Amino acid sequence: MASSHRTFVRWLLIPGLSLGLFLLFTLGAAWVTRFTDAPELPEPAAPPARPPRVSAPAPEPSRPAAPSAPLPPPAAPVREPPRAPPPRDDFDAPDPRRVEVVEPVVEASSGRIDAEDLRLAIQSVTPLVQQCFQDAAQRNRGTQEVKLRFTVEGEGSEGKMNRGELVSSTIPDPMVQACVLDSLLDARFPAPHLGGSATVLHPFRFTVPGDAGP
């Protein structure tokens, strides 16, 4: 009986011890392998270094503005030379030319006579002279001039044209020349002061207003 009991204990104890040792060995091996095979964690990388801070350059002190050069004086306006009137295609259109107002020239005088009174007297017969030029306007283009010399003599309280003559004419038509000369007979000239007479030279110029004479 005792022999069988020892045999039972032997068969029960030996496998139990063997199993316990096996489990203990397995756990120890697993524990050692855990720390041996575990990969090392990489160390955290250091943060990148910040670039050095570049400070903005200090603004340069403002310099006083250089004095501006004086502006050149404005150029004088260039006056265009007068142009001759264009040829008229429509002869029924009114002629733009007019008798120009010109100051009379007193060449000689034996008595005092006012130049302004002379100008007003000649201007009063300008419409008659205008008609003389217009009668020959189609045959004579451009600026035309008839220059006369005449004498003004006192006749009572008024003066009268006497001894008129043609000095020059750009119109060769004698009818136009005589027409201009006869127009002066209707002028009311002033009488020279203290009597006497005055010799007057006057050009009748037929042109477009604003154009220069010949």
N, C-alpha and C. Protein backbone atom coordinates (compact mmCIF):
# COMPACT_ATOMS: atom_id res chain seq x y z
N MET A 1 0.85 -1.20 0.00
CA MET A 1 0.00 0.00 0.00
C MET A 1 0.86 1.22 0.00
N ALA A 2 1.83 1.18 0.83
CA ALA A 2 2.77 2.31 0.90
C ALA A 2 3.52 2.44 -0.40
N SER A 3 3.79 1.37 -1.04
CA SER A 3 4.52 1.42 -2.29
C SER A 3 3.70 2.04 -3.38
N SER A 4 2.46 1.70 -3.43
CA SER A 4 1.60 2.30 -4.44
C SER A 4 1.36 3.77 -4.18
N HIS A 5 1.35 4.15 -2.90
CA HIS A 5 1.16 5.57 -2.57
C HIS A 5 2.36 6.36 -3.04
N ARG A 6 3.55 5.87 -2.87
CA ARG A 6 4.73 6.58 -3.29
C ARG A 6 4.79 6.66 -4.82
N THR A 7 4.33 5.59 -5.43
CA THR A 7 4.32 5.63 -6.88
C THR A 7 3.35 6.69 -7.40
N PHE A 8 2.25 6.83 -6.77
CA PHE A 8 1.24 7.84 -7.18
C PHE A 8 1.80 9.24 -6.98
N VAL A 9 2.45 9.44 -5.83
CA VAL A 9 3.00 10.75 -5.54
C VAL A 9 4.09 11.08 -6.53
N ARG A 10 4.87 10.08 -6.91
CA ARG A 10 5.97 10.32 -7.84
C ARG A 10 5.43 10.73 -9.21
N TRP A 11 4.41 10.04 -9.65
CA TRP A 11 3.87 10.36 -10.95
C TRP A 11 3.10 11.67 -10.91
N LEU A 12 2.63 12.10 -9.84
CA LEU A 12 1.90 13.36 -9.74
C LEU A 12 2.85 14.51 -9.49
N LEU A 13 3.88 14.29 -8.67
CA LEU A 13 4.76 15.40 -8.30
C LEU A 13 5.73 15.72 -9.41
N ILE A 14 6.26 14.69 -10.05
CA ILE A 14 7.27 14.95 -11.07
C ILE A 14 6.69 15.72 -12.25
N PRO A 15 5.56 15.32 -12.82
CA PRO A 15 5.02 16.14 -13.92
C PRO A 15 4.63 17.54 -13.47
N GLY A 16 4.15 17.62 -12.22
CA GLY A 16 3.77 18.97 -11.77
C GLY A 16 4.96 19.87 -11.65
N LEU A 17 6.07 19.31 -11.10
CA LEU A 17 7.26 20.14 -11.00
C LEU A 17 7.80 20.50 -12.38
N SER A 18 7.76 19.50 -13.25
CA SER A 18 8.26 19.78 -14.61
C SER A 18 7.43 20.87 -15.30
N LEU A 19 6.12 20.77 -15.12
CA LEU A 19 5.25 21.81 -15.74
C LEU A 19 5.50 23.16 -15.13
N GLY A 20 5.71 23.19 -13.79
CA GLY A 20 5.96 24.48 -13.16
C GLY A 20 7.27 25.09 -13.61
N LEU A 21 8.31 24.21 -13.70
CA LEU A 21 9.58 24.74 -14.18
C LEU A 21 9.48 25.24 -15.62
N PHE A 22 8.74 24.51 -16.44
CA PHE A 22 8.58 24.94 -17.84
C PHE A 22 7.88 26.29 -17.94
N LEU A 23 6.82 26.45 -17.15
CA LEU A 23 6.10 27.73 -17.17
C LEU A 23 6.98 28.86 -16.65
N LEU A 24 7.75 28.54 -15.58
CA LEU A 24 8.62 29.58 -15.04
C LEU A 24 9.68 29.98 -16.05
N PHE A 25 10.26 28.97 -16.72
CA PHE A 25 11.26 29.27 -17.73
C PHE A 25 10.67 30.07 -18.88
N THR A 26 9.46 29.69 -19.31
CA THR A 26 8.82 30.41 -20.43
C THR A 26 8.55 31.86 -20.07
N LEU A 27 8.03 32.12 -18.86
CA LEU A 27 7.75 33.49 -18.44
C LEU A 27 9.04 34.31 -18.34
N GLY A 28 10.10 33.65 -17.80
CA GLY A 28 11.36 34.39 -17.71
C GLY A 28 11.91 34.74 -19.07
N ALA A 29 11.82 33.76 -20.00
CA ALA A 29 12.31 34.07 -21.35
C ALA A 29 11.51 35.18 -22.03
N ALA A 30 10.20 35.16 -21.83
CA ALA A 30 9.36 36.21 -22.44
C ALA A 30 9.67 37.58 -21.86
N TRP A 31 9.97 37.59 -20.54
CA TRP A 31 10.25 38.88 -19.89
C TRP A 31 11.55 39.47 -20.40
N VAL A 32 12.55 38.56 -20.54
CA VAL A 32 13.85 39.02 -21.04
C VAL A 32 13.74 39.48 -22.49
N THR A 33 13.00 38.72 -23.30
CA THR A 33 12.85 39.09 -24.73
C THR A 33 12.14 40.41 -24.90
N ARG A 34 11.23 40.73 -24.02
CA ARG A 34 10.46 42.00 -24.13
C ARG A 34 11.38 43.20 -24.08
N PHE A 35 12.31 43.20 -23.16
CA PHE A 35 13.19 44.36 -23.01
C PHE A 35 14.36 44.33 -23.96
N THR A 36 14.68 43.07 -24.46
CA THR A 36 15.82 42.97 -25.37
C THR A 36 15.43 43.33 -26.79
N ASP A 37 14.30 42.86 -27.27
CA ASP A 37 13.90 43.07 -28.67
C ASP A 37 13.12 44.35 -28.91
N ALA A 38 12.73 45.00 -27.86
CA ALA A 38 11.92 46.23 -28.08
C ALA A 38 12.75 47.28 -28.80
N PRO A 39 12.26 47.86 -29.91
CA PRO A 39 13.04 48.89 -30.65
C PRO A 39 13.16 50.16 -29.84
N GLU A 40 14.33 50.67 -29.95
CA GLU A 40 14.56 51.93 -29.25
C GLU A 40 13.81 53.06 -29.95
N LEU A 41 13.10 53.80 -29.18
CA LEU A 41 12.37 54.95 -29.73
C LEU A 41 13.36 56.06 -30.09
N PRO A 42 13.17 56.65 -31.30
CA PRO A 42 14.10 57.74 -31.66
C PRO A 42 13.90 58.95 -30.78
N GLU A 43 15.00 59.55 -30.50
CA GLU A 43 14.93 60.76 -29.71
C GLU A 43 14.24 61.86 -30.52
N PRO A 44 13.40 62.63 -29.85
CA PRO A 44 12.72 63.72 -30.58
C PRO A 44 13.73 64.70 -31.17
N ALA A 45 13.48 65.02 -32.46
CA ALA A 45 14.40 65.95 -33.13
C ALA A 45 14.31 67.32 -32.52
N ALA A 46 15.43 67.96 -32.49
CA ALA A 46 15.46 69.32 -31.95
C ALA A 46 14.73 70.27 -32.89
N PRO A 47 13.99 71.23 -32.35
CA PRO A 47 13.28 72.18 -33.23
C PRO A 47 14.27 72.96 -34.08
N PRO A 48 13.88 73.22 -35.36
CA PRO A 48 14.81 73.96 -36.23
C PRO A 48 15.11 75.34 -35.69
N ALA A 49 16.35 75.70 -35.87
CA ALA A 49 16.76 77.02 -35.38
C ALA A 49 16.08 78.11 -36.19
N ARG A 50 15.60 79.11 -35.52
CA ARG A 50 14.95 80.24 -36.20
C ARG A 50 16.01 81.11 -36.88
N PRO A 51 15.66 81.57 -38.11
CA PRO A 51 16.64 82.46 -38.76
C PRO A 51 16.77 83.76 -37.99
N PRO A 52 17.93 84.32 -38.05
CA PRO A 52 18.11 85.60 -37.32
C PRO A 52 17.17 86.66 -37.87
N ARG A 53 16.60 87.39 -36.99
CA ARG A 53 15.64 88.43 -37.35
C ARG A 53 16.36 89.64 -37.92
N VAL A 54 15.98 89.94 -39.16
CA VAL A 54 16.62 91.08 -39.84
C VAL A 54 15.77 92.32 -39.58
N SER A 55 16.34 93.26 -38.98
CA SER A 55 15.60 94.50 -38.71
C SER A 55 15.57 95.36 -39.95
N ALA A 56 14.43 96.03 -40.15
CA ALA A 56 14.28 96.92 -41.31
C ALA A 56 15.25 98.08 -41.21
N PRO A 57 15.83 98.46 -42.38
CA PRO A 57 16.78 99.59 -42.32
C PRO A 57 16.06 100.87 -41.91
N ALA A 58 16.76 101.62 -41.13
CA ALA A 58 16.18 102.88 -40.68
C ALA A 58 16.00 103.81 -41.86
N PRO A 59 14.86 104.52 -41.94
CA PRO A 59 14.64 105.44 -43.07
C PRO A 59 15.65 106.56 -43.07
N GLU A 60 16.09 106.88 -44.30
CA GLU A 60 17.05 107.96 -44.43
C GLU A 60 16.39 109.29 -44.12
N PRO A 61 17.12 110.18 -43.54
CA PRO A 61 16.52 111.50 -43.27
C PRO A 61 16.17 112.20 -44.58
N SER A 62 15.00 112.81 -44.57
CA SER A 62 14.52 113.48 -45.78
C SER A 62 15.43 114.64 -46.13
N ARG A 63 15.70 114.72 -47.44
CA ARG A 63 16.55 115.80 -47.91
C ARG A 63 15.69 116.93 -48.46
N PRO A 64 16.12 118.13 -48.29
CA PRO A 64 15.33 119.25 -48.86
C PRO A 64 15.29 119.16 -50.37
N ALA A 65 14.09 119.39 -50.92
CA ALA A 65 13.91 119.30 -52.38
C ALA A 65 14.76 120.35 -53.08
N ALA A 66 15.36 119.91 -54.17
CA ALA A 66 16.19 120.84 -54.94
C ALA A 66 15.30 121.90 -55.57
N PRO A 67 15.75 123.13 -55.58
CA PRO A 67 14.91 124.19 -56.18
C PRO A 67 14.70 123.93 -57.65
N SER A 68 13.44 124.02 -58.06
CA SER A 68 13.11 123.77 -59.46
C SER A 68 13.62 124.91 -60.33
N ALA A 69 14.00 124.54 -61.53
CA ALA A 69 14.50 125.54 -62.47
C ALA A 69 13.36 126.46 -62.88
N PRO A 70 13.64 127.74 -63.02
CA PRO A 70 12.56 128.67 -63.44
C PRO A 70 12.04 128.31 -64.81
N LEU A 71 10.72 128.41 -64.94
CA LEU A 71 10.08 128.09 -66.22
C LEU A 71 10.48 129.13 -67.27
N PRO A 72 10.71 128.67 -68.49
CA PRO A 72 11.05 129.65 -69.53
C PRO A 72 9.86 130.54 -69.82
N PRO A 73 10.12 131.78 -70.19
CA PRO A 73 8.99 132.67 -70.51
C PRO A 73 8.20 132.14 -71.68
N PRO A 74 6.89 132.35 -71.67
CA PRO A 74 6.07 131.84 -72.79
C PRO A 74 6.49 132.46 -74.11
N ALA A 75 6.51 131.60 -75.10
CA ALA A 75 6.90 132.08 -76.42
C ALA A 75 5.85 133.02 -76.99
N ALA A 76 6.35 134.02 -77.68
CA ALA A 76 5.42 134.97 -78.27
C ALA A 76 4.61 134.28 -79.36
N PRO A 77 3.31 134.55 -79.40
CA PRO A 77 2.50 133.89 -80.44
C PRO A 77 2.97 134.28 -81.84
N VAL A 78 3.04 133.29 -82.67
CA VAL A 78 3.46 133.51 -84.06
C VAL A 78 2.25 133.92 -84.87
N ARG A 79 2.36 135.07 -85.44
CA ARG A 79 1.24 135.57 -86.23
C ARG A 79 1.39 135.09 -87.67
N GLU A 80 0.38 134.40 -88.10
CA GLU A 80 0.43 133.89 -89.47
C GLU A 80 0.29 135.04 -90.46
N PRO A 81 1.04 134.95 -91.56
CA PRO A 81 0.89 136.00 -92.57
C PRO A 81 -0.52 135.98 -93.15
N PRO A 82 -1.03 137.14 -93.50
CA PRO A 82 -2.38 137.19 -94.07
C PRO A 82 -2.46 136.40 -95.36
N ARG A 83 -3.57 135.78 -95.54
CA ARG A 83 -3.79 134.98 -96.73
C ARG A 83 -4.72 135.71 -97.70
N ALA A 84 -4.42 135.52 -98.95
CA ALA A 84 -5.29 136.10 -99.97
C ALA A 84 -6.63 135.38 -99.96
N PRO A 85 -7.71 136.08 -100.23
CA PRO A 85 -9.01 135.41 -100.25
C PRO A 85 -9.05 134.33 -101.31
N PRO A 86 -9.67 133.19 -101.01
CA PRO A 86 -9.74 132.11 -101.99
C PRO A 86 -10.55 132.53 -103.21
N PRO A 87 -10.24 131.95 -104.36
CA PRO A 87 -11.03 132.31 -105.55
C PRO A 87 -12.49 131.93 -105.37
N ARG A 88 -13.34 132.78 -105.84
CA ARG A 88 -14.77 132.57 -105.67
C ARG A 88 -15.28 131.70 -106.81
N ASP A 89 -15.88 130.58 -106.39
CA ASP A 89 -16.51 129.71 -107.38
C ASP A 89 -17.94 130.13 -107.66
N ASP A 90 -18.57 130.70 -106.62
CA ASP A 90 -19.95 131.13 -106.76
C ASP A 90 -19.95 132.65 -106.89
N PHE A 91 -20.18 133.15 -108.09
CA PHE A 91 -20.14 134.60 -108.30
C PHE A 91 -21.36 135.29 -107.74
N ASP A 92 -22.38 134.53 -107.35
CA ASP A 92 -23.54 135.15 -106.74
C ASP A 92 -23.35 135.37 -105.25
N ALA A 93 -22.31 134.76 -104.65
CA ALA A 93 -22.06 134.93 -103.22
C ALA A 93 -21.52 136.34 -102.98
N PRO A 94 -21.80 136.93 -101.82
CA PRO A 94 -21.31 138.29 -101.55
C PRO A 94 -19.80 138.32 -101.45
N ASP A 95 -19.20 139.38 -101.97
CA ASP A 95 -17.75 139.54 -101.92
C ASP A 95 -17.34 139.92 -100.50
N PRO A 96 -16.38 139.20 -99.90
CA PRO A 96 -15.99 139.54 -98.52
C PRO A 96 -15.12 140.78 -98.41
N ARG A 97 -14.65 141.31 -99.54
CA ARG A 97 -13.76 142.47 -99.48
C ARG A 97 -14.54 143.74 -99.15
N ARG A 98 -13.85 144.59 -98.42
CA ARG A 98 -14.44 145.87 -98.03
C ARG A 98 -13.39 146.96 -98.21
N VAL A 99 -13.86 148.23 -98.28
CA VAL A 99 -12.95 149.37 -98.35
C VAL A 99 -12.39 149.59 -96.95
N GLU A 100 -11.08 149.48 -96.84
CA GLU A 100 -10.41 149.59 -95.54
C GLU A 100 -10.35 151.04 -95.09
N VAL A 101 -10.48 151.23 -93.78
CA VAL A 101 -10.37 152.57 -93.21
C VAL A 101 -8.89 152.91 -93.05
N VAL A 102 -8.45 153.96 -93.71
CA VAL A 102 -7.05 154.37 -93.69
C VAL A 102 -7.00 155.85 -93.30
N GLU A 103 -6.01 156.18 -92.47
CA GLU A 103 -5.85 157.58 -92.08
C GLU A 103 -5.35 158.40 -93.27
N PRO A 104 -5.98 159.54 -93.57
CA PRO A 104 -5.50 160.40 -94.66
C PRO A 104 -4.19 161.08 -94.27
N VAL A 105 -3.40 161.40 -95.28
CA VAL A 105 -2.11 162.06 -95.06
C VAL A 105 -2.18 163.47 -95.64
N VAL A 106 -1.95 164.46 -94.79
CA VAL A 106 -1.93 165.86 -95.25
C VAL A 106 -0.51 166.17 -95.70
N GLU A 107 -0.32 166.31 -97.00
CA GLU A 107 1.02 166.55 -97.53
C GLU A 107 1.45 168.01 -97.37
N ALA A 108 0.52 168.92 -97.55
CA ALA A 108 0.85 170.35 -97.43
C ALA A 108 -0.42 171.10 -97.04
N SER A 109 -0.25 172.19 -96.32
CA SER A 109 -1.41 172.96 -95.88
C SER A 109 -1.00 174.40 -95.65
N SER A 110 -1.81 175.30 -96.16
CA SER A 110 -1.60 176.72 -95.91
C SER A 110 -2.53 177.21 -94.81
N GLY A 111 -3.29 176.34 -94.25
CA GLY A 111 -4.18 176.65 -93.13
C GLY A 111 -4.34 175.38 -92.29
N ARG A 112 -4.66 175.53 -91.02
CA ARG A 112 -4.76 174.38 -90.13
C ARG A 112 -6.05 173.61 -90.41
N ILE A 113 -5.92 172.28 -90.59
CA ILE A 113 -7.08 171.43 -90.85
C ILE A 113 -6.97 170.19 -89.95
N ASP A 114 -8.08 169.77 -89.40
CA ASP A 114 -8.09 168.66 -88.45
C ASP A 114 -8.12 167.32 -89.20
N ALA A 115 -7.14 166.43 -88.88
CA ALA A 115 -7.06 165.14 -89.58
C ALA A 115 -8.27 164.25 -89.27
N GLU A 116 -8.81 164.36 -88.05
CA GLU A 116 -9.97 163.53 -87.72
C GLU A 116 -11.20 163.95 -88.52
N ASP A 117 -11.35 165.26 -88.73
CA ASP A 117 -12.47 165.73 -89.55
C ASP A 117 -12.33 165.25 -90.99
N LEU A 118 -11.07 165.22 -91.48
CA LEU A 118 -10.84 164.70 -92.83
C LEU A 118 -11.23 163.22 -92.92
N ARG A 119 -10.84 162.45 -91.91
CA ARG A 119 -11.13 161.01 -91.93
C ARG A 119 -12.64 160.75 -91.92
N LEU A 120 -13.37 161.50 -91.11
CA LEU A 120 -14.82 161.32 -91.04
C LEU A 120 -15.49 161.70 -92.36
N ALA A 121 -14.97 162.74 -93.02
CA ALA A 121 -15.56 163.16 -94.30
C ALA A 121 -15.34 162.09 -95.37
N ILE A 122 -14.12 161.52 -95.41
CA ILE A 122 -13.84 160.47 -96.40
C ILE A 122 -14.64 159.20 -96.07
N GLN A 123 -14.79 158.91 -94.77
CA GLN A 123 -15.53 157.71 -94.38
C GLN A 123 -17.01 157.81 -94.75
N SER A 124 -17.51 159.02 -94.83
CA SER A 124 -18.93 159.18 -95.17
C SER A 124 -19.24 158.77 -96.61
N VAL A 125 -18.23 158.80 -97.50
CA VAL A 125 -18.46 158.39 -98.89
C VAL A 125 -17.91 156.98 -99.16
N THR A 126 -17.53 156.26 -98.10
CA THR A 126 -17.01 154.90 -98.28
C THR A 126 -18.01 153.98 -98.97
N PRO A 127 -19.34 154.04 -98.67
CA PRO A 127 -20.27 153.17 -99.40
C PRO A 127 -20.26 153.41 -100.91
N LEU A 128 -20.05 154.66 -101.34
CA LEU A 128 -19.98 154.94 -102.78
C LEU A 128 -18.72 154.32 -103.39
N VAL A 129 -17.59 154.44 -102.67
CA VAL A 129 -16.34 153.86 -103.16
C VAL A 129 -16.44 152.33 -103.17
N GLN A 130 -17.13 151.78 -102.18
CA GLN A 130 -17.33 150.33 -102.13
C GLN A 130 -18.06 149.84 -103.38
N GLN A 131 -19.05 150.60 -103.80
CA GLN A 131 -19.80 150.21 -104.99
C GLN A 131 -18.93 150.28 -106.24
N CYS A 132 -18.03 151.27 -106.29
CA CYS A 132 -17.13 151.38 -107.44
C CYS A 132 -16.26 150.12 -107.57
N PHE A 133 -15.72 149.66 -106.45
CA PHE A 133 -14.88 148.45 -106.48
C PHE A 133 -15.71 147.21 -106.81
N GLN A 134 -16.90 147.12 -106.27
CA GLN A 134 -17.70 145.92 -106.49
C GLN A 134 -18.14 145.78 -107.95
N ASP A 135 -18.26 146.91 -108.65
CA ASP A 135 -18.64 146.83 -110.07
C ASP A 135 -17.58 146.11 -110.89
N ALA A 136 -16.33 146.16 -110.44
CA ALA A 136 -15.24 145.50 -111.17
C ALA A 136 -14.64 144.35 -110.36
N ALA A 137 -15.36 143.86 -109.33
CA ALA A 137 -14.80 142.85 -108.43
C ALA A 137 -14.54 141.53 -109.14
N GLN A 138 -15.45 141.12 -110.03
CA GLN A 138 -15.28 139.83 -110.69
C GLN A 138 -14.08 139.82 -111.63
N ARG A 139 -13.72 140.98 -112.16
CA ARG A 139 -12.59 141.05 -113.08
C ARG A 139 -11.27 141.32 -112.36
N ASN A 140 -11.35 141.69 -111.09
CA ASN A 140 -10.14 142.05 -110.35
C ASN A 140 -10.19 141.36 -108.98
N ARG A 141 -9.47 140.24 -108.88
CA ARG A 141 -9.47 139.47 -107.63
C ARG A 141 -8.40 139.98 -106.67
N GLY A 142 -8.54 139.60 -105.41
CA GLY A 142 -7.54 139.95 -104.41
C GLY A 142 -7.66 141.39 -103.96
N THR A 143 -6.64 141.84 -103.24
CA THR A 143 -6.62 143.21 -102.72
C THR A 143 -6.35 144.20 -103.85
N GLN A 144 -7.16 145.25 -103.89
CA GLN A 144 -7.02 146.30 -104.90
C GLN A 144 -6.91 147.65 -104.20
N GLU A 145 -6.25 148.58 -104.86
CA GLU A 145 -6.05 149.90 -104.26
C GLU A 145 -6.04 150.98 -105.33
N VAL A 146 -6.73 152.08 -105.01
CA VAL A 146 -6.72 153.28 -105.85
C VAL A 146 -6.28 154.43 -104.96
N LYS A 147 -5.13 155.03 -105.28
CA LYS A 147 -4.60 156.11 -104.46
C LYS A 147 -4.81 157.44 -105.17
N LEU A 148 -5.39 158.40 -104.41
CA LEU A 148 -5.73 159.71 -104.97
C LEU A 148 -5.02 160.81 -104.20
N ARG A 149 -4.79 161.90 -104.90
CA ARG A 149 -4.32 163.13 -104.28
C ARG A 149 -5.32 164.22 -104.64
N PHE A 150 -5.74 164.98 -103.65
CA PHE A 150 -6.73 166.04 -103.91
C PHE A 150 -6.49 167.19 -102.95
N THR A 151 -7.10 168.30 -103.28
CA THR A 151 -6.95 169.53 -102.49
C THR A 151 -8.29 169.90 -101.87
N VAL A 152 -8.26 170.27 -100.61
CA VAL A 152 -9.46 170.74 -99.90
C VAL A 152 -9.31 172.24 -99.70
N GLU A 153 -10.28 172.98 -100.19
CA GLU A 153 -10.26 174.44 -100.06
C GLU A 153 -11.51 174.90 -99.32
N GLY A 154 -11.36 176.00 -98.63
CA GLY A 154 -12.49 176.53 -97.89
C GLY A 154 -13.49 177.20 -98.82
N GLU A 155 -14.76 176.92 -98.55
CA GLU A 155 -15.85 177.56 -99.30
C GLU A 155 -16.93 177.91 -98.30
N GLY A 156 -16.82 179.13 -97.76
CA GLY A 156 -17.72 179.51 -96.68
C GLY A 156 -17.30 178.80 -95.40
N SER A 157 -18.28 178.19 -94.73
CA SER A 157 -18.00 177.48 -93.47
C SER A 157 -17.58 176.03 -93.70
N GLU A 158 -17.63 175.58 -94.93
CA GLU A 158 -17.27 174.20 -95.25
C GLU A 158 -16.14 174.18 -96.26
N GLY A 159 -15.57 172.98 -96.43
CA GLY A 159 -14.52 172.81 -97.42
C GLY A 159 -15.05 172.04 -98.62
N LYS A 160 -14.27 172.07 -99.67
CA LYS A 160 -14.68 171.40 -100.91
C LYS A 160 -13.46 170.79 -101.57
N MET A 161 -13.67 169.57 -102.13
CA MET A 161 -12.58 168.91 -102.83
C MET A 161 -12.37 169.56 -104.19
N ASN A 162 -11.09 169.78 -104.51
CA ASN A 162 -10.75 170.43 -105.77
C ASN A 162 -9.43 169.83 -106.27
N ARG A 163 -9.29 169.82 -107.56
CA ARG A 163 -8.07 169.35 -108.21
C ARG A 163 -7.69 167.94 -107.73
N GLY A 164 -8.56 167.00 -107.96
CA GLY A 164 -8.27 165.60 -107.64
C GLY A 164 -7.53 164.93 -108.78
N GLU A 165 -6.60 164.05 -108.45
CA GLU A 165 -5.83 163.35 -109.47
C GLU A 165 -5.53 161.92 -109.00
N LEU A 166 -5.33 161.05 -109.97
CA LEU A 166 -4.99 159.66 -109.69
C LEU A 166 -3.48 159.54 -109.50
N VAL A 167 -3.05 158.97 -108.39
CA VAL A 167 -1.63 158.75 -108.13
C VAL A 167 -1.22 157.35 -108.59
N SER A 168 -1.99 156.33 -108.22
CA SER A 168 -1.71 154.96 -108.64
C SER A 168 -2.98 154.14 -108.50
N SER A 169 -3.01 153.01 -109.23
CA SER A 169 -4.18 152.14 -109.17
C SER A 169 -3.77 150.73 -109.60
N THR A 170 -4.23 149.74 -108.83
CA THR A 170 -4.00 148.34 -109.21
C THR A 170 -5.09 147.85 -110.17
N ILE A 171 -6.13 148.65 -110.35
CA ILE A 171 -7.20 148.32 -111.29
C ILE A 171 -7.00 149.17 -112.54
N PRO A 172 -6.73 148.55 -113.67
CA PRO A 172 -6.47 149.35 -114.87
C PRO A 172 -7.73 149.94 -115.50
N ASP A 173 -8.87 149.68 -114.94
CA ASP A 173 -10.13 150.16 -115.52
C ASP A 173 -10.30 151.65 -115.23
N PRO A 174 -10.30 152.53 -116.25
CA PRO A 174 -10.46 153.97 -116.00
C PRO A 174 -11.84 154.32 -115.45
N MET A 175 -12.85 153.48 -115.71
CA MET A 175 -14.18 153.76 -115.18
C MET A 175 -14.18 153.63 -113.65
N VAL A 176 -13.47 152.64 -113.14
CA VAL A 176 -13.39 152.48 -111.68
C VAL A 176 -12.61 153.64 -111.07
N GLN A 177 -11.53 154.05 -111.70
CA GLN A 177 -10.73 155.15 -111.19
C GLN A 177 -11.55 156.44 -111.13
N ALA A 178 -12.29 156.72 -112.20
CA ALA A 178 -13.12 157.93 -112.23
C ALA A 178 -14.24 157.84 -111.20
N CYS A 179 -14.79 156.63 -111.00
CA CYS A 179 -15.88 156.45 -110.03
C CYS A 179 -15.41 156.78 -108.62
N VAL A 180 -14.21 156.32 -108.28
CA VAL A 180 -13.68 156.60 -106.94
C VAL A 180 -13.42 158.09 -106.78
N LEU A 181 -12.85 158.71 -107.80
CA LEU A 181 -12.55 160.14 -107.72
C LEU A 181 -13.82 160.97 -107.61
N ASP A 182 -14.87 160.60 -108.34
CA ASP A 182 -16.13 161.36 -108.29
C ASP A 182 -16.83 161.19 -106.95
N SER A 183 -16.57 160.10 -106.25
CA SER A 183 -17.22 159.89 -104.95
C SER A 183 -16.82 160.96 -103.95
N LEU A 184 -15.60 161.51 -104.08
CA LEU A 184 -15.15 162.53 -103.15
C LEU A 184 -15.91 163.84 -103.30
N LEU A 185 -16.59 164.02 -104.43
CA LEU A 185 -17.35 165.26 -104.62
C LEU A 185 -18.52 165.34 -103.66
N ASP A 186 -18.99 164.20 -103.15
CA ASP A 186 -20.12 164.20 -102.22
C ASP A 186 -19.69 164.30 -100.76
N ALA A 187 -18.38 164.35 -100.51
CA ALA A 187 -17.91 164.43 -99.12
C ALA A 187 -18.03 165.86 -98.61
N ARG A 188 -18.38 165.99 -97.30
CA ARG A 188 -18.48 167.31 -96.66
C ARG A 188 -17.19 167.52 -95.85
N PHE A 189 -16.19 168.11 -96.52
CA PHE A 189 -14.91 168.32 -95.89
C PHE A 189 -14.94 169.54 -94.98
N PRO A 190 -14.10 169.55 -93.93
CA PRO A 190 -14.00 170.75 -93.09
C PRO A 190 -13.17 171.82 -93.81
N ALA A 191 -13.51 173.06 -93.59
CA ALA A 191 -12.73 174.15 -94.18
C ALA A 191 -11.47 174.36 -93.35
N PRO A 192 -10.32 174.57 -93.99
CA PRO A 192 -9.10 174.85 -93.23
C PRO A 192 -9.29 176.10 -92.37
N HIS A 193 -8.79 176.04 -91.14
CA HIS A 193 -8.88 177.20 -90.26
C HIS A 193 -7.99 178.33 -90.81
N LEU A 194 -8.47 179.53 -90.62
CA LEU A 194 -7.76 180.73 -91.07
C LEU A 194 -7.58 180.74 -92.58
N GLY A 195 -8.48 180.04 -93.32
CA GLY A 195 -8.44 180.04 -94.77
C GLY A 195 -7.33 179.15 -95.30
N GLY A 196 -7.08 179.28 -96.57
CA GLY A 196 -6.03 178.50 -97.19
C GLY A 196 -6.57 177.18 -97.72
N SER A 197 -5.67 176.24 -97.94
CA SER A 197 -6.05 174.95 -98.51
C SER A 197 -5.13 173.86 -97.94
N ALA A 198 -5.51 172.62 -98.21
CA ALA A 198 -4.72 171.48 -97.74
C ALA A 198 -4.67 170.43 -98.84
N THR A 199 -3.47 169.90 -99.10
CA THR A 199 -3.30 168.84 -100.09
C THR A 199 -3.27 167.50 -99.34
N VAL A 200 -4.16 166.61 -99.76
CA VAL A 200 -4.35 165.35 -99.03
C VAL A 200 -4.03 164.18 -99.96
N LEU A 201 -3.32 163.18 -99.41
CA LEU A 201 -3.05 161.93 -100.13
C LEU A 201 -3.79 160.81 -99.40
N HIS A 202 -4.60 160.07 -100.17
CA HIS A 202 -5.40 159.02 -99.50
C HIS A 202 -5.53 157.80 -100.41
N PRO A 203 -5.17 156.59 -99.87
CA PRO A 203 -5.38 155.36 -100.64
C PRO A 203 -6.71 154.71 -100.26
N PHE A 204 -7.49 154.35 -101.26
CA PHE A 204 -8.71 153.56 -101.03
C PHE A 204 -8.35 152.10 -101.31
N ARG A 205 -8.33 151.30 -100.22
CA ARG A 205 -7.89 149.91 -100.33
C ARG A 205 -9.09 148.98 -100.19
N PHE A 206 -9.24 148.10 -101.17
CA PHE A 206 -10.36 147.16 -101.23
C PHE A 206 -9.81 145.77 -100.91
N THR A 207 -10.10 145.25 -99.69
CA THR A 207 -9.50 143.99 -99.25
C THR A 207 -10.41 143.30 -98.25
N VAL A 208 -10.06 142.06 -97.93
CA VAL A 208 -10.78 141.33 -96.88
C VAL A 208 -10.38 141.93 -95.54
N PRO A 209 -11.30 142.22 -94.64
CA PRO A 209 -10.94 142.82 -93.35
C PRO A 209 -9.91 141.97 -92.61
N GLY A 210 -8.85 142.63 -92.14
CA GLY A 210 -7.78 141.94 -91.42
C GLY A 210 -6.58 141.62 -92.27
N ASP A 211 -6.71 141.62 -93.60
CA ASP A 211 -5.58 141.35 -94.48
C ASP A 211 -4.75 142.61 -94.65
N ALA A 212 -3.46 142.42 -94.86
CA ALA A 212 -2.57 143.56 -95.10
C ALA A 212 -2.71 144.01 -96.54
N GLY A 213 -2.39 145.24 -96.73
CA GLY A 213 -2.46 145.81 -98.07
C GLY A 213 -1.28 145.37 -98.91
N PRO A 214 -1.22 145.74 -100.17
CA PRO A 214 -0.12 145.34 -101.06
C PRO A 214 1.17 146.03 -100.67
